[in-house]
Amino acid sequence: MTSAVAFFLLFVACTLAITGWAARRTASVDAFYTAGGRLPGWLNGIALVNDYLSAAAFLGAA
């Protein structure tokens, strides 16, 4: 039980650290969406497909 709580707190700390690091690198809305236009179209397409499949799997399970 204690190790599960410790792992959860470590996960939350890592997530907050990554979020803080990313927030410092993002200066505008354009930089936030699609990495400021630096992502190629096919990579953005893969991200969109993953979002759709994740939502479809969640709604299908419910």
PDB file of N, CA and C in Angstrom:
ATOM      1  N   MET A   1       0.822  -1.194   0.000  1.00  0.00           N
ATOM      2  CA  MET A   1       0.000   0.000   0.000  1.00  0.00           C
ATOM      3  C   MET A   1       0.868   1.260   0.000  1.00  0.00           C
ATOM      4  N   THR A   2       1.889   1.272   0.828  1.00  0.00           N
ATOM      5  CA  THR A   2       2.765   2.439   0.914  1.00  0.00           C
ATOM      6  C   THR A   2       3.520   2.651  -0.383  1.00  0.00           C
ATOM      7  N   SER A   3       3.962   1.584  -1.017  1.00  0.00           N
ATOM      8  CA  SER A   3       4.683   1.734  -2.287  1.00  0.00           C
ATOM      9  C   SER A   3       3.755   2.244  -3.391  1.00  0.00           C
ATOM     10  N   ALA A   4       2.492   1.876  -3.352  1.00  0.00           N
ATOM     11  CA  ALA A   4       1.536   2.375  -4.348  1.00  0.00           C
ATOM     12  C   ALA A   4       1.343   3.876  -4.197  1.00  0.00           C
ATOM     13  N   VAL A   5       1.239   4.346  -2.972  1.00  0.00           N
ATOM     14  CA  VAL A   5       1.088   5.780  -2.720  1.00  0.00           C
ATOM     15  C   VAL A   5       2.348   6.515  -3.146  1.00  0.00           C
ATOM     16  N   ALA A   6       3.505   5.959  -2.840  1.00  0.00           N
ATOM     17  CA  ALA A   6       4.774   6.579  -3.228  1.00  0.00           C
ATOM     18  C   ALA A   6       4.901   6.650  -4.749  1.00  0.00           C
ATOM     19  N   PHE A   7       4.532   5.584  -5.431  1.00  0.00           N
ATOM     20  CA  PHE A   7       4.598   5.589  -6.889  1.00  0.00           C
ATOM     21  C   PHE A   7       3.631   6.611  -7.471  1.00  0.00           C
ATOM     22  N   PHE A   8       2.446   6.714  -6.908  1.00  0.00           N
ATOM     23  CA  PHE A   8       1.475   7.702  -7.380  1.00  0.00           C
ATOM     24  C   PHE A   8       2.010   9.119  -7.189  1.00  0.00           C
ATOM     25  N   LEU A   9       2.577   9.401  -6.026  1.00  0.00           N
ATOM     26  CA  LEU A   9       3.133  10.731  -5.777  1.00  0.00           C
ATOM     27  C   LEU A   9       4.314  11.022  -6.690  1.00  0.00           C
ATOM     28  N   LEU A  10       5.125  10.022  -6.990  1.00  0.00           N
ATOM     29  CA  LEU A  10       6.225  10.191  -7.943  1.00  0.00           C
ATOM     30  C   LEU A  10       5.692  10.491  -9.331  1.00  0.00           C
ATOM     31  N   PHE A  11       4.644   9.803  -9.729  1.00  0.00           N
ATOM     32  CA  PHE A  11       4.019  10.041 -11.025  1.00  0.00           C
ATOM     33  C   PHE A  11       3.472  11.462 -11.118  1.00  0.00           C
ATOM     34  N   VAL A  12       2.792  11.913 -10.074  1.00  0.00           N
ATOM     35  CA  VAL A  12       2.240  13.273 -10.051  1.00  0.00           C
ATOM     36  C   VAL A  12       3.372  14.302 -10.100  1.00  0.00           C
ATOM     37  N   ALA A  13       4.438  14.080  -9.357  1.00  0.00           N
ATOM     38  CA  ALA A  13       5.569  15.010  -9.350  1.00  0.00           C
ATOM     39  C   ALA A  13       6.223  15.093 -10.728  1.00  0.00           C
ATOM     40  N   CYS A  14       6.404  13.951 -11.380  1.00  0.00           N
ATOM     41  CA  CYS A  14       6.991  13.945 -12.728  1.00  0.00           C
ATOM     42  C   CYS A  14       6.082  14.657 -13.721  1.00  0.00           C
ATOM     43  N   THR A  15       4.785  14.420 -13.614  1.00  0.00           N
ATOM     44  CA  THR A  15       3.833  15.077 -14.513  1.00  0.00           C
ATOM     45  C   THR A  15       3.862  16.590 -14.324  1.00  0.00           C
ATOM     46  N   LEU A  16       3.901  17.054 -13.084  1.00  0.00           N
ATOM     47  CA  LEU A  16       3.962  18.486 -12.816  1.00  0.00           C
ATOM     48  C   LEU A  16       5.281  19.093 -13.293  1.00  0.00           C
ATOM     49  N   ALA A  17       6.370  18.364 -13.157  1.00  0.00           N
ATOM     50  CA  ALA A  17       7.671  18.859 -13.627  1.00  0.00           C
ATOM     51  C   ALA A  17       7.669  19.008 -15.151  1.00  0.00           C
ATOM     52  N   ILE A  18       7.136  18.032 -15.859  1.00  0.00           N
ATOM     53  CA  ILE A  18       7.066  18.110 -17.323  1.00  0.00           C
ATOM     54  C   ILE A  18       6.146  19.249 -17.747  1.00  0.00           C
ATOM     55  N   THR A  19       5.037  19.413 -17.051  1.00  0.00           N
ATOM     56  CA  THR A  19       4.107  20.494 -17.373  1.00  0.00           C
ATOM     57  C   THR A  19       4.755  21.854 -17.161  1.00  0.00           C
ATOM     58  N   GLY A  20       5.476  22.029 -16.074  1.00  0.00           N
ATOM     59  CA  GLY A  20       6.173  23.287 -15.815  1.00  0.00           C
ATOM     60  C   GLY A  20       7.231  23.577 -16.863  1.00  0.00           C
ATOM     61  N   TRP A  21       7.986  22.558 -17.238  1.00  0.00           N
ATOM     62  CA  TRP A  21       9.013  22.719 -18.270  1.00  0.00           C
ATOM     63  C   TRP A  21       8.380  23.118 -19.599  1.00  0.00           C
ATOM     64  N   ALA A  22       7.290  22.466 -19.973  1.00  0.00           N
ATOM     65  CA  ALA A  22       6.622  22.782 -21.236  1.00  0.00           C
ATOM     66  C   ALA A  22       5.992  24.164 -21.198  1.00  0.00           C
ATOM     67  N   ALA A  23       5.463  24.571 -20.061  1.00  0.00           N
ATOM     68  CA  ALA A  23       4.836  25.890 -19.947  1.00  0.00           C
ATOM     69  C   ALA A  23       5.868  26.998 -20.118  1.00  0.00           C
ATOM     70  N   ARG A  24       7.073  26.793 -19.632  1.00  0.00           N
ATOM     71  CA  ARG A  24       8.116  27.803 -19.801  1.00  0.00           C
ATOM     72  C   ARG A  24       8.550  27.926 -21.261  1.00  0.00           C
ATOM     73  N   ARG A  25       8.429  26.862 -22.030  1.00  0.00           N
ATOM     74  CA  ARG A  25       8.831  26.899 -23.440  1.00  0.00           C
ATOM     75  C   ARG A  25       7.745  27.457 -24.348  1.00  0.00           C
ATOM     76  N   THR A  26       6.517  27.555 -23.866  1.00  0.00           N
ATOM     77  CA  THR A  26       5.402  28.007 -24.682  1.00  0.00           C
ATOM     78  C   THR A  26       5.151  29.479 -24.409  1.00  0.00           C
ATOM     79  N   ALA A  27       5.327  30.313 -25.454  1.00  0.00           N
ATOM     80  CA  ALA A  27       5.191  31.757 -25.268  1.00  0.00           C
ATOM     81  C   ALA A  27       3.889  32.302 -25.842  1.00  0.00           C
ATOM     82  N   SER A  28       3.250  31.553 -26.744  1.00  0.00           N
ATOM     83  CA  SER A  28       2.037  32.057 -27.372  1.00  0.00           C
ATOM     84  C   SER A  28       1.101  30.900 -27.694  1.00  0.00           C
ATOM     85  N   VAL A  29      -0.090  31.247 -28.134  1.00  0.00           N
ATOM     86  CA  VAL A  29      -1.068  30.222 -28.516  1.00  0.00           C
ATOM     87  C   VAL A  29      -0.563  29.449 -29.738  1.00  0.00           C
ATOM     88  N   ASP A  30       0.079  30.153 -30.669  1.00  0.00           N
ATOM     89  CA  ASP A  30       0.605  29.473 -31.860  1.00  0.00           C
ATOM     90  C   ASP A  30       1.652  28.438 -31.493  1.00  0.00           C
ATOM     91  N   ALA A  31       2.453  28.718 -30.489  1.00  0.00           N
ATOM     92  CA  ALA A  31       3.461  27.757 -30.057  1.00  0.00           C
ATOM     93  C   ALA A  31       2.823  26.571 -29.339  1.00  0.00           C
ATOM     94  N   PHE A  32       1.654  26.799 -28.742  1.00  0.00           N
ATOM     95  CA  PHE A  32       0.987  25.729 -28.009  1.00  0.00           C
ATOM     96  C   PHE A  32       0.392  24.689 -28.952  1.00  0.00           C
ATOM     97  N   TYR A  33      -0.313  25.145 -29.978  1.00  0.00           N
ATOM     98  CA  TYR A  33      -0.959  24.222 -30.915  1.00  0.00           C
ATOM     99  C   TYR A  33       0.032  23.748 -31.961  1.00  0.00           C
ATOM    100  N   THR A  34       0.116  22.459 -32.147  1.00  0.00           N
ATOM    101  CA  THR A  34       0.991  21.773 -33.114  1.00  0.00           C
ATOM    102  C   THR A  34       2.427  22.259 -33.041  1.00  0.00           C
ATOM    103  N   ALA A  35       2.911  22.523 -31.852  1.00  0.00           N
ATOM    104  CA  ALA A  35       4.320  22.854 -31.608  1.00  0.00           C
ATOM    105  C   ALA A  35       4.788  24.020 -32.451  1.00  0.00           C
ATOM    106  N   GLY A  36       3.955  25.026 -32.599  1.00  0.00           N
ATOM    107  CA  GLY A  36       4.344  26.213 -33.348  1.00  0.00           C
ATOM    108  C   GLY A  36       4.502  25.973 -34.835  1.00  0.00           C
ATOM    109  N   GLY A  37       3.840  24.957 -35.356  1.00  0.00           N
ATOM    110  CA  GLY A  37       3.936  24.657 -36.787  1.00  0.00           C
ATOM    111  C   GLY A  37       5.165  23.853 -37.160  1.00  0.00           C
ATOM    112  N   ARG A  38       5.904  23.365 -36.197  1.00  0.00           N
ATOM    113  CA  ARG A  38       7.121  22.592 -36.481  1.00  0.00           C
ATOM    114  C   ARG A  38       6.853  21.105 -36.692  1.00  0.00           C
ATOM    115  N   LEU A  39       5.611  20.655 -36.471  1.00  0.00           N
ATOM    116  CA  LEU A  39       5.295  19.245 -36.677  1.00  0.00           C
ATOM    117  C   LEU A  39       4.918  19.003 -38.131  1.00  0.00           C
ATOM    118  N   PRO A  40       5.433  17.932 -38.726  1.00  0.00           N
ATOM    119  CA  PRO A  40       4.978  17.601 -40.078  1.00  0.00           C
ATOM    120  C   PRO A  40       3.528  17.114 -40.052  1.00  0.00           C
ATOM    121  N   GLY A  41       2.870  17.208 -41.182  1.00  0.00           N
ATOM    122  CA  GLY A  41       1.456  16.856 -41.259  1.00  0.00           C
ATOM    123  C   GLY A  41       1.163  15.426 -40.858  1.00  0.00           C
ATOM    124  N   TRP A  42       2.014  14.499 -41.266  1.00  0.00           N
ATOM    125  CA  TRP A  42       1.757  13.086 -40.962  1.00  0.00           C
ATOM    126  C   TRP A  42       1.837  12.822 -39.456  1.00  0.00           C
ATOM    127  N   LEU A  43       2.727  13.530 -38.758  1.00  0.00           N
ATOM    128  CA  LEU A  43       2.847  13.329 -37.318  1.00  0.00           C
ATOM    129  C   LEU A  43       1.639  13.912 -36.586  1.00  0.00           C
ATOM    130  N   ASN A  44       1.156  15.042 -37.056  1.00  0.00           N
ATOM    131  CA  ASN A  44      -0.057  15.615 -36.484  1.00  0.00           C
ATOM    132  C   ASN A  44      -1.247  14.701 -36.766  1.00  0.00           C
ATOM    133  N   GLY A  45      -1.277  14.076 -37.934  1.00  0.00           N
ATOM    134  CA  GLY A  45      -2.338  13.125 -38.256  1.00  0.00           C
ATOM    135  C   GLY A  45      -2.338  11.930 -37.321  1.00  0.00           C
ATOM    136  N   ILE A  46      -1.166  11.426 -37.004  1.00  0.00           N
ATOM    137  CA  ILE A  46      -1.073  10.301 -36.063  1.00  0.00           C
ATOM    138  C   ILE A  46      -1.608  10.716 -34.692  1.00  0.00           C
ATOM    139  N   ALA A  47      -1.286  11.932 -34.265  1.00  0.00           N
ATOM    140  CA  ALA A  47      -1.783  12.411 -32.971  1.00  0.00           C
ATOM    141  C   ALA A  47      -3.304  12.515 -32.980  1.00  0.00           C
ATOM    142  N   LEU A  48      -3.864  13.004 -34.070  1.00  0.00           N
ATOM    143  CA  LEU A  48      -5.321  13.114 -34.153  1.00  0.00           C
ATOM    144  C   LEU A  48      -5.988  11.749 -34.158  1.00  0.00           C
ATOM    145  N   VAL A  49      -5.403  10.791 -34.880  1.00  0.00           N
ATOM    146  CA  VAL A  49      -5.960   9.435 -34.909  1.00  0.00           C
ATOM    147  C   VAL A  49      -5.905   8.816 -33.513  1.00  0.00           C
ATOM    148  N   ASN A  50      -4.807   9.026 -32.801  1.00  0.00           N
ATOM    149  CA  ASN A  50      -4.710   8.484 -31.443  1.00  0.00           C
ATOM    150  C   ASN A  50      -5.753   9.101 -30.521  1.00  0.00           C
ATOM    151  N   ASP A  51      -6.003  10.406 -30.653  1.00  0.00           N
ATOM    152  CA  ASP A  51      -7.058  11.034 -29.849  1.00  0.00           C
ATOM    153  C   ASP A  51      -8.417  10.410 -30.157  1.00  0.00           C
ATOM    154  N   TYR A  52      -8.700  10.230 -31.427  1.00  0.00           N
ATOM    155  CA  TYR A  52      -9.995   9.666 -31.830  1.00  0.00           C
ATOM    156  C   TYR A  52     -10.145   8.229 -31.335  1.00  0.00           C
ATOM    157  N   LEU A  53      -9.106   7.434 -31.517  1.00  0.00           N
ATOM    158  CA  LEU A  53      -9.187   6.031 -31.094  1.00  0.00           C
ATOM    159  C   LEU A  53      -9.305   5.912 -29.582  1.00  0.00           C
ATOM    160  N   SER A  54      -8.644   6.788 -28.862  1.00  0.00           N
ATOM    161  CA  SER A  54      -8.734   6.759 -27.411  1.00  0.00           C
ATOM    162  C   SER A  54     -10.164   7.092 -26.963  1.00  0.00           C
ATOM    163  N   ALA A  55     -10.740   8.112 -27.560  1.00  0.00           N
ATOM    164  CA  ALA A  55     -12.109   8.485 -27.205  1.00  0.00           C
ATOM    165  C   ALA A  55     -13.090   7.385 -27.609  1.00  0.00           C
ATOM    166  N   ALA A  56     -12.881   6.795 -28.791  1.00  0.00           N
ATOM    167  CA  ALA A  56     -13.769   5.726 -29.242  1.00  0.00           C
ATOM    168  C   ALA A  56     -13.688   4.522 -28.330  1.00  0.00           C
ATOM    169  N   ALA A  57     -12.489   4.188 -27.876  1.00  0.00           N
ATOM    170  CA  ALA A  57     -12.340   3.049 -26.976  1.00  0.00           C
ATOM    171  C   ALA A  57     -12.995   3.344 -25.626  1.00  0.00           C
ATOM    172  N   PHE A  58     -12.856   4.567 -25.144  1.00  0.00           N
ATOM    173  CA  PHE A  58     -13.467   4.936 -23.866  1.00  0.00           C
ATOM    174  C   PHE A  58     -14.988   4.893 -23.961  1.00  0.00           C
ATOM    175  N   LEU A  59     -15.528   5.462 -25.027  1.00  0.00           N
ATOM    176  CA  LEU A  59     -16.986   5.479 -25.169  1.00  0.00           C
ATOM    177  C   LEU A  59     -17.533   4.081 -25.465  1.00  0.00           C
ATOM    178  N   GLY A  60     -16.765   3.273 -26.178  1.00  0.00           N
ATOM    179  CA  GLY A  60     -17.189   1.908 -26.470  1.00  0.00           C
ATOM    180  C   GLY A  60     -17.211   1.042 -25.217  1.00  0.00           C
ATOM    181  N   ALA A  61     -16.305   1.316 -24.292  1.00  0.00           N
ATOM    182  CA  ALA A  61     -16.260   0.533 -23.057  1.00  0.00           C
ATOM    183  C   ALA A  61     -17.408   0.914 -22.124  1.00  0.00           C
ATOM    184  N   ALA A  62     -17.872   2.142 -22.261  1.00  0.00           N
ATOM    185  CA  ALA A  62     -18.961   2.583 -21.383  1.00  0.00           C
ATOM    186  C   ALA A  62     -20.241   2.061 -21.931  1.00  0.00           C
TER     187      ALA A  62
END
